[in-house]
Amino acid sequence: MMDGSGSKGQRRREAILQLLKQQGRITITEMVERFGCSEATARRDLEQMEGTYPVIRTIGGAMYDGMSTMRELHFAEKEGLSILEKEKIAQLASTLIVEGDVIGLSGGTTNFLLAKLLKSRKGITVVTNAVNIAMELAGSPIQVVVTGGIMRHNSFELCGPLGEGMVAQLHIGKMFIGVDGISASGGISSYSEQEAQIAKALIKRSQETYAVFDHTKTNRTSLFSVASLSELKAVITDSELDGELGDQLQREQVAVYVTD
């Protein structure tokens, strides 16, 4: 019997899933070391798991898409957010992109799913600081511009002065930005200082900025500020924004797109 099938393979995949739930991400190298399997088996496991579990394949590994990071685990338990919501947000975002557009994509699951949807489109240029998004678009008709910098391993985003220097030379039409938090007073924010810095640089070089996020990010302020609500053209999310946040977006004349 092949290692990848039957109970031994299934037990290994369940152990991989537990690990993904705990740490949010896993690399092929880590799987080979931990489970004593070959690279080919590790890749095959992730391929099988992607179809069954909330697992997204990335360059050299996979990430868990169940709001799984420790700081957000209670949201996962309460909300049970599936990849379907993020796919719907990405689908809605894709309707705002037309032939001839130069768009920017920051890192994050929703933008990764948006990149997947754009693969068959023509006449679009994508500027991204996320290595996994660039690789997802490789071989498609899309022209891809990748910013420079040092890669953050937990998000595949290129950050630092090198990337910011290159971004300063660019002209982006529509920037789609993933956020860790959005609130009336805090605007859009990020857990990572480096990601916040490169996001600011990208927004500065963009004509329009669209924040993409699911309902678990609303009315939350992360440590590092990215932009105030007044800098946004629109937000794209999966549930109605009411209360102070909704009022503030209305005051700033920021369009709100909500999935069905």
Protein backbone atom coordinates (compact mmCIF):
# COMPACT_ATOMS: atom_id res chain seq x y z
CA MET A 1 0.00 0.00 0.00
CA MET A 2 1.29 3.47 -0.80
CA ASP A 3 2.20 5.69 2.14
CA GLY A 4 -0.21 8.43 0.94
CA SER A 5 -3.30 6.24 1.16
CA GLY A 6 -5.03 4.26 3.88
CA SER A 7 -4.99 4.82 7.62
CA LYS A 8 -1.30 5.77 7.96
CA GLY A 9 -1.65 8.58 5.40
CA GLN A 10 -4.94 9.68 6.94
CA ARG A 11 -3.43 9.81 10.44
CA ARG A 12 -0.55 11.88 9.11
CA ARG A 13 -2.91 14.31 7.36
CA GLU A 14 -4.95 14.68 10.58
CA ALA A 15 -1.73 15.45 12.47
CA ILE A 16 -0.78 18.00 9.79
CA LEU A 17 -4.22 19.62 10.15
CA GLN A 18 -3.80 19.89 13.94
CA LEU A 19 -0.42 21.53 13.43
CA LEU A 20 -1.90 23.94 10.86
CA LYS A 21 -4.69 24.86 13.30
CA GLN A 22 -2.12 25.58 16.02
CA GLN A 23 0.43 27.58 14.05
CA GLY A 24 -1.56 28.83 11.04
CA ARG A 25 1.04 27.72 8.48
CA ILE A 26 3.29 24.79 7.59
CA THR A 27 6.13 24.34 5.12
CA ILE A 28 6.96 21.26 3.04
CA THR A 29 10.40 21.15 4.76
CA GLU A 30 8.73 21.13 8.18
CA MET A 31 6.43 18.27 7.11
CA VAL A 32 9.35 16.20 5.81
CA GLU A 33 11.26 16.72 9.09
CA ARG A 34 8.31 16.12 11.40
CA PHE A 35 6.58 13.23 9.68
CA GLY A 36 9.52 11.52 7.99
CA CYS A 37 7.81 11.54 4.59
CA SER A 38 9.17 12.54 1.17
CA GLU A 39 8.61 15.97 -0.38
CA ALA A 40 6.35 14.38 -3.02
CA THR A 41 4.19 12.78 -0.28
CA ALA A 42 4.02 16.09 1.62
CA ARG A 43 2.85 17.89 -1.53
CA ARG A 44 0.31 15.15 -2.27
CA ASP A 45 -1.02 15.41 1.31
CA LEU A 46 -1.53 19.16 0.97
CA GLU A 47 -3.23 18.71 -2.42
CA GLN A 48 -5.69 16.23 -0.89
CA MET A 49 -6.24 18.39 2.20
CA GLU A 50 -6.97 21.51 0.17
CA GLY A 51 -10.08 19.87 -1.25
CA THR A 52 -11.37 18.67 2.13
CA TYR A 53 -10.29 21.13 4.81
CA PRO A 54 -10.00 24.95 5.06
CA VAL A 55 -6.41 24.71 3.84
CA ILE A 56 -4.87 26.96 1.19
CA ARG A 57 -1.76 25.85 -0.71
CA THR A 58 1.03 28.43 -0.71
CA ILE A 59 4.53 28.59 -2.11
CA GLY A 60 6.40 25.77 -0.36
CA GLY A 61 3.61 24.81 2.02
CA ALA A 62 0.09 25.66 3.15
CA MET A 63 -1.88 27.96 5.43
CA TYR A 64 -4.96 27.25 7.53
CA ASP A 65 -7.94 29.43 6.68
CA GLY A 66 -10.11 29.12 9.75
CA MET A 67 -9.19 32.35 11.57
CA SER A 68 -6.70 30.05 13.19
CA THR A 69 -3.99 32.26 14.63
CA MET A 70 -3.90 32.13 18.42
CA ARG A 71 -4.93 35.76 18.91
CA GLU A 72 -8.04 35.15 16.78
CA LEU A 73 -8.97 31.63 17.81
CA HIS A 74 -12.00 32.74 19.83
CA PHE A 75 -13.33 34.39 16.66
CA ALA A 76 -12.99 31.07 14.82
CA GLU A 77 -14.99 29.31 17.50
CA LYS A 78 -17.69 32.00 17.56
CA GLU A 79 -17.95 32.79 13.88
CA GLY A 80 -16.96 29.53 12.19
CA LEU A 81 -15.74 31.67 9.29
CA SER A 82 -15.14 29.53 6.22
CA ILE A 83 -13.24 30.24 3.08
CA LEU A 84 -16.60 30.69 1.31
CA GLU A 85 -17.05 34.18 2.80
CA LYS A 86 -13.61 35.21 1.62
CA GLU A 87 -14.27 33.75 -1.83
CA LYS A 88 -17.46 35.83 -2.05
CA ILE A 89 -15.55 38.99 -1.05
CA ALA A 90 -12.89 38.21 -3.68
CA GLN A 91 -15.63 37.59 -6.27
CA LEU A 92 -17.22 40.97 -5.51
CA ALA A 93 -13.83 42.71 -5.66
CA SER A 94 -13.13 41.14 -9.07
CA THR A 95 -16.23 42.85 -10.53
CA LEU A 96 -14.59 46.24 -9.85
CA ILE A 97 -11.58 45.38 -12.02
CA VAL A 98 -11.75 46.04 -15.77
CA GLU A 99 -9.43 45.55 -18.75
CA GLY A 100 -6.65 48.13 -18.76
CA ASP A 101 -6.52 48.44 -14.95
CA VAL A 102 -3.26 48.58 -13.01
CA ILE A 103 -4.19 47.08 -9.67
CA GLY A 104 -2.28 46.57 -6.45
CA LEU A 105 -2.70 43.50 -4.21
CA SER A 106 -1.28 43.34 -0.70
CA GLY A 107 -0.92 39.94 1.00
CA GLY A 108 -3.70 38.01 2.73
CA THR A 109 -6.09 35.18 1.97
CA THR A 110 -8.80 37.27 0.31
CA ASN A 111 -6.35 38.92 -2.10
CA PHE A 112 -4.80 35.50 -2.83
CA LEU A 113 -8.30 34.28 -3.79
CA LEU A 114 -8.81 37.45 -5.86
CA ALA A 115 -5.58 36.70 -7.74
CA LYS A 116 -6.91 33.18 -8.50
CA LEU A 117 -10.04 34.76 -10.04
CA LEU A 118 -7.98 37.17 -12.17
CA LYS A 119 -5.80 34.47 -13.77
CA SER A 120 -7.99 34.14 -16.85
CA ARG A 121 -8.44 37.90 -17.36
CA LYS A 122 -6.56 39.90 -20.00
CA GLY A 123 -5.17 43.43 -20.15
CA ILE A 124 -4.58 43.78 -16.42
CA THR A 125 -1.34 44.61 -14.59
CA VAL A 126 -0.95 43.48 -10.99
CA VAL A 127 1.53 45.12 -8.61
CA THR A 128 2.03 42.99 -5.50
CA ASN A 129 4.36 42.70 -2.54
CA ALA A 130 3.14 39.15 -1.83
CA VAL A 131 5.31 36.38 -3.27
CA ASN A 132 2.51 33.76 -3.15
CA ILE A 133 0.19 36.05 -5.15
CA ALA A 134 2.91 36.67 -7.76
CA MET A 135 3.46 32.91 -8.11
CA GLU A 136 -0.28 32.26 -8.36
CA LEU A 137 -0.38 34.62 -11.37
CA ALA A 138 2.72 33.13 -13.02
CA GLY A 139 1.92 31.77 -16.48
CA SER A 140 -1.32 33.77 -16.78
CA PRO A 141 -1.92 36.64 -19.27
CA ILE A 142 -1.57 39.10 -16.36
CA GLN A 143 1.50 41.34 -16.27
CA VAL A 144 2.94 41.03 -12.76
CA VAL A 145 5.15 43.60 -11.04
CA VAL A 146 6.72 42.38 -7.78
CA THR A 147 8.08 44.89 -5.29
CA GLY A 148 11.43 44.17 -3.64
CA GLY A 149 12.31 43.67 -0.02
CA ILE A 150 12.67 41.07 2.68
CA MET A 151 9.98 38.39 2.87
CA ARG A 152 8.00 37.91 6.07
CA HIS A 153 7.57 34.14 6.32
CA ASN A 154 4.17 34.17 7.96
CA SER A 155 2.54 36.27 5.23
CA PHE A 156 4.86 35.95 2.19
CA GLU A 157 4.85 39.76 2.00
CA LEU A 158 7.97 41.62 0.90
CA CYS A 159 8.70 44.49 3.26
CA GLY A 160 11.37 47.03 4.10
CA PRO A 161 13.06 50.10 2.55
CA LEU A 162 14.07 48.24 -0.63
CA GLY A 163 10.44 47.56 -1.54
CA GLU A 164 9.25 50.99 -0.39
CA GLY A 165 11.88 52.61 -2.62
CA MET A 166 10.63 50.70 -5.66
CA VAL A 167 6.96 51.42 -4.88
CA ALA A 168 7.78 55.15 -4.93
CA GLN A 169 8.44 54.80 -8.70
CA LEU A 170 5.05 53.21 -9.50
CA HIS A 171 1.58 54.45 -10.47
CA ILE A 172 -1.20 52.13 -9.29
CA GLY A 173 -4.84 52.66 -10.24
CA LYS A 174 -6.80 50.51 -7.77
CA MET A 175 -5.15 49.20 -4.61
CA PHE A 176 -6.83 46.25 -2.85
CA ILE A 177 -5.57 46.02 0.69
CA GLY A 178 -6.11 43.27 3.26
CA VAL A 179 -6.49 44.52 6.84
CA ASP A 180 -6.19 43.04 10.35
CA GLY A 181 -8.60 45.59 11.79
CA ILE A 182 -10.94 48.43 10.78
CA SER A 183 -12.67 50.88 13.09
CA ALA A 184 -14.16 54.39 13.05
CA SER A 185 -11.35 55.91 15.12
CA GLY A 186 -8.43 53.66 14.09
CA GLY A 187 -9.10 53.44 10.35
CA ILE A 188 -7.42 50.36 8.85
CA SER A 189 -4.60 48.74 10.80
CA SER A 190 -2.16 45.82 10.85
CA TYR A 191 -0.49 43.55 13.42
CA SER A 192 2.84 43.97 11.64
CA GLU A 193 4.82 47.20 11.54
CA GLN A 194 6.66 46.17 8.33
CA GLU A 195 3.43 45.25 6.54
CA ALA A 196 1.83 48.53 7.67
CA GLN A 197 4.79 50.49 6.24
CA ILE A 198 4.73 48.85 2.78
CA ALA A 199 0.91 49.13 2.70
CA LYS A 200 1.20 52.89 3.38
CA ALA A 201 3.72 53.21 0.53
CA LEU A 202 1.40 51.33 -1.87
CA ILE A 203 -1.63 53.42 -0.88
CA LYS A 204 0.36 56.62 -1.39
CA ARG A 205 1.06 55.60 -5.01
CA SER A 206 -2.55 54.58 -5.74
CA GLN A 207 -5.44 56.58 -7.17
CA GLU A 208 -8.06 54.53 -5.29
CA THR A 209 -7.79 52.24 -2.27
CA TYR A 210 -10.22 49.39 -1.53
CA ALA A 211 -10.05 47.68 1.88
CA VAL A 212 -11.05 44.00 1.70
CA PHE A 213 -11.97 42.21 4.94
CA ASP A 214 -14.45 39.80 6.54
CA HIS A 215 -16.77 40.63 9.44
CA THR A 216 -14.31 39.41 12.11
CA LYS A 217 -12.06 42.41 11.37
CA THR A 218 -14.72 45.09 11.90
CA ASN A 219 -14.59 47.40 14.93
CA ARG A 220 -11.09 46.19 15.76
CA THR A 221 -7.92 48.23 15.95
CA SER A 222 -4.57 46.49 15.51
CA LEU A 223 -1.29 47.93 16.74
CA PHE A 224 -0.04 49.68 13.60
CA SER A 225 -2.06 52.21 11.63
CA VAL A 226 -2.17 51.83 7.83
CA ALA A 227 -4.65 54.51 6.71
CA SER A 228 -7.55 56.60 7.95
CA LEU A 229 -11.03 55.89 6.57
CA SER A 230 -10.88 59.17 4.60
CA GLU A 231 -8.08 57.70 2.44
CA LEU A 232 -10.33 54.88 1.21
CA LYS A 233 -12.40 54.84 -1.97
CA ALA A 234 -14.42 51.82 -0.82
CA VAL A 235 -14.60 48.83 1.51
CA ILE A 236 -15.57 45.32 0.39
CA THR A 237 -16.85 42.99 3.09
CA ASP A 238 -19.34 40.22 3.90
CA SER A 239 -21.76 41.89 6.31
CA GLU A 240 -23.46 45.27 6.72
CA LEU A 241 -21.43 47.91 8.55
CA ASP A 242 -23.59 49.78 11.03
CA GLY A 243 -22.99 51.80 14.17
CA GLU A 244 -20.08 54.22 14.47
CA LEU A 245 -18.05 52.57 11.71
CA GLY A 246 -20.91 52.67 9.21
CA ASP A 247 -21.69 56.29 10.10
CA GLN A 248 -18.05 57.35 9.75
CA LEU A 249 -17.71 55.65 6.33
CA GLN A 250 -20.84 57.46 5.18
CA ARG A 251 -19.48 60.80 6.45
CA GLU A 252 -16.20 60.21 4.58
CA GLN A 253 -18.17 59.20 1.45
CA VAL A 254 -16.52 55.78 1.34
CA ALA A 255 -18.52 53.31 -0.77
CA VAL A 256 -19.50 50.07 1.00
CA TYR A 257 -19.78 46.85 -1.05
CA VAL A 258 -21.36 43.89 0.78
CA THR A 259 -21.53 40.32 -0.57
CA ASP A 260 -24.97 38.70 -1.02
